[in-house]
Amino acid sequence: MEIKHHQFDRITMDPEKCFGKPCVRGLRMPVASILAYLSGGMSIDEMLRQWPELEREDIYQALGFAAALMEERVVPLEHS
């Protein structure tokens, strides 16, 4: 059963695909993979050439989704 994120309509989660990790539009392209490619230096244009099923808005929504998740998480700092 595929679930769409309420704020990011291109981000889906399905226990039957990629272990339920957030993916783009039900494709087997996890948000984490998109972030990893971008952080490794791959450009958006390179990603779109490599995976023609992706759309530019998919990548922007993956970035927005990751940013929103970071806003919700509090990481405690260790005091030295």
C-alpha atoms as a PDB file:
ATOM      1  CA  MET A   1       0.000   0.000   0.000  1.00  0.00           C
ATOM      2  CA  GLU A   2       1.601   3.211  -1.181  1.00  0.00           C
ATOM      3  CA  ILE A   3       1.320   6.260   1.053  1.00  0.00           C
ATOM      4  CA  LYS A   4       1.963   9.805  -0.193  1.00  0.00           C
ATOM      5  CA  HIS A   5       3.426  12.450   2.064  1.00  0.00           C
ATOM      6  CA  HIS A   6       0.874  15.144   2.904  1.00  0.00           C
ATOM      7  CA  GLN A   7       3.209  18.043   2.082  1.00  0.00           C
ATOM      8  CA  PHE A   8       5.376  16.504  -0.654  1.00  0.00           C
ATOM      9  CA  ASP A   9       3.080  14.835  -3.193  1.00  0.00           C
ATOM     10  CA  ARG A  10       5.954  13.201  -5.092  1.00  0.00           C
ATOM     11  CA  ILE A  11       7.340  11.448  -2.011  1.00  0.00           C
ATOM     12  CA  THR A  12       5.830   8.008  -1.396  1.00  0.00           C
ATOM     13  CA  MET A  13       6.354   5.200   1.077  1.00  0.00           C
ATOM     14  CA  ASP A  14       5.436   1.600   0.356  1.00  0.00           C
ATOM     15  CA  PRO A  15       6.472  -1.352   2.544  1.00  0.00           C
ATOM     16  CA  GLU A  16       6.728  -3.435  -0.651  1.00  0.00           C
ATOM     17  CA  LYS A  17       9.335  -1.118  -2.228  1.00  0.00           C
ATOM     18  CA  CYS A  18      12.782  -0.268  -0.846  1.00  0.00           C
ATOM     19  CA  PHE A  19      11.816  -1.560   2.616  1.00  0.00           C
ATOM     20  CA  GLY A  20       9.307   1.276   3.042  1.00  0.00           C
ATOM     21  CA  LYS A  21      11.914   4.013   2.712  1.00  0.00           C
ATOM     22  CA  PRO A  22      10.687   7.331   1.281  1.00  0.00           C
ATOM     23  CA  CYS A  23      10.973   7.191  -2.514  1.00  0.00           C
ATOM     24  CA  VAL A  24      10.100   9.398  -5.457  1.00  0.00           C
ATOM     25  CA  ARG A  25       6.671   8.779  -7.053  1.00  0.00           C
ATOM     26  CA  GLY A  26       6.611   5.088  -6.266  1.00  0.00           C
ATOM     27  CA  LEU A  27       9.791   4.542  -8.261  1.00  0.00           C
ATOM     28  CA  ARG A  28      12.532   2.528  -6.648  1.00  0.00           C
ATOM     29  CA  MET A  29      14.565   5.698  -6.173  1.00  0.00           C
ATOM     30  CA  PRO A  30      14.903   6.452  -2.459  1.00  0.00           C
ATOM     31  CA  VAL A  31      15.196  10.036  -1.293  1.00  0.00           C
ATOM     32  CA  ALA A  32      18.430   9.014   0.473  1.00  0.00           C
ATOM     33  CA  SER A  33      19.958   7.946  -2.873  1.00  0.00           C
ATOM     34  CA  ILE A  34      19.128  11.291  -4.462  1.00  0.00           C
ATOM     35  CA  LEU A  35      20.767  13.093  -1.547  1.00  0.00           C
ATOM     36  CA  ALA A  36      23.819  10.843  -1.755  1.00  0.00           C
ATOM     37  CA  TYR A  37      24.292  11.484  -5.480  1.00  0.00           C
ATOM     38  CA  LEU A  38      23.963  15.238  -5.008  1.00  0.00           C
ATOM     39  CA  SER A  39      26.311  15.307  -2.018  1.00  0.00           C
ATOM     40  CA  GLY A  40      28.802  13.267  -4.035  1.00  0.00           C
ATOM     41  CA  GLY A  41      28.952  16.020  -6.635  1.00  0.00           C
ATOM     42  CA  MET A  42      26.497  14.780  -9.257  1.00  0.00           C
ATOM     43  CA  SER A  43      24.494  17.643 -10.747  1.00  0.00           C
ATOM     44  CA  ILE A  44      20.741  17.623 -11.176  1.00  0.00           C
ATOM     45  CA  ASP A  45      21.196  17.610 -14.956  1.00  0.00           C
ATOM     46  CA  GLU A  46      23.498  14.571 -14.711  1.00  0.00           C
ATOM     47  CA  MET A  47      20.920  12.766 -12.587  1.00  0.00           C
ATOM     48  CA  LEU A  48      18.155  13.524 -15.079  1.00  0.00           C
ATOM     49  CA  ARG A  49      20.280  12.140 -17.913  1.00  0.00           C
ATOM     50  CA  GLN A  50      21.198   9.016 -15.921  1.00  0.00           C
ATOM     51  CA  TRP A  51      17.608   8.320 -14.791  1.00  0.00           C
ATOM     52  CA  PRO A  52      15.205   9.667 -17.442  1.00  0.00           C
ATOM     53  CA  GLU A  53      12.194   8.597 -15.353  1.00  0.00           C
ATOM     54  CA  LEU A  54      13.114  11.290 -12.804  1.00  0.00           C
ATOM     55  CA  GLU A  55      11.870  14.836 -13.180  1.00  0.00           C
ATOM     56  CA  ARG A  56      13.509  17.986 -11.870  1.00  0.00           C
ATOM     57  CA  GLU A  57      10.627  18.543  -9.430  1.00  0.00           C
ATOM     58  CA  ASP A  58      11.247  15.044  -7.990  1.00  0.00           C
ATOM     59  CA  ILE A  59      14.742  16.098  -6.976  1.00  0.00           C
ATOM     60  CA  TYR A  60      13.572  19.417  -5.531  1.00  0.00           C
ATOM     61  CA  GLN A  61      10.918  17.632  -3.502  1.00  0.00           C
ATOM     62  CA  ALA A  62      13.469  15.114  -2.223  1.00  0.00           C
ATOM     63  CA  LEU A  63      15.590  18.020  -0.999  1.00  0.00           C
ATOM     64  CA  GLY A  64      12.587  19.720   0.587  1.00  0.00           C
ATOM     65  CA  PHE A  65      11.495  16.488   2.250  1.00  0.00           C
ATOM     66  CA  ALA A  66      14.968  15.993   3.749  1.00  0.00           C
ATOM     67  CA  ALA A  67      15.046  19.596   4.973  1.00  0.00           C
ATOM     68  CA  ALA A  68      11.614  19.202   6.581  1.00  0.00           C
ATOM     69  CA  LEU A  69      12.731  16.038   8.372  1.00  0.00           C
ATOM     70  CA  MET A  70      15.760  17.831   9.788  1.00  0.00           C
ATOM     71  CA  GLU A  71      13.505  20.561  11.171  1.00  0.00           C
ATOM     72  CA  GLU A  72      11.536  17.961  13.145  1.00  0.00           C
ATOM     73  CA  ARG A  73      14.520  16.222  14.679  1.00  0.00           C
ATOM     74  CA  VAL A  74      16.434  17.416  17.702  1.00  0.00           C
ATOM     75  CA  VAL A  75      19.929  16.044  18.132  1.00  0.00           C
ATOM     76  CA  PRO A  76      21.241  16.381  21.683  1.00  0.00           C
ATOM     77  CA  LEU A  77      24.752  17.787  21.973  1.00  0.00           C
ATOM     78  CA  GLU A  78      27.299  16.248  24.289  1.00  0.00           C
ATOM     79  CA  HIS A  79      28.944  18.639  26.739  1.00  0.00           C
ATOM     80  CA  SER A  80      32.673  18.231  27.219  1.00  0.00           C
END
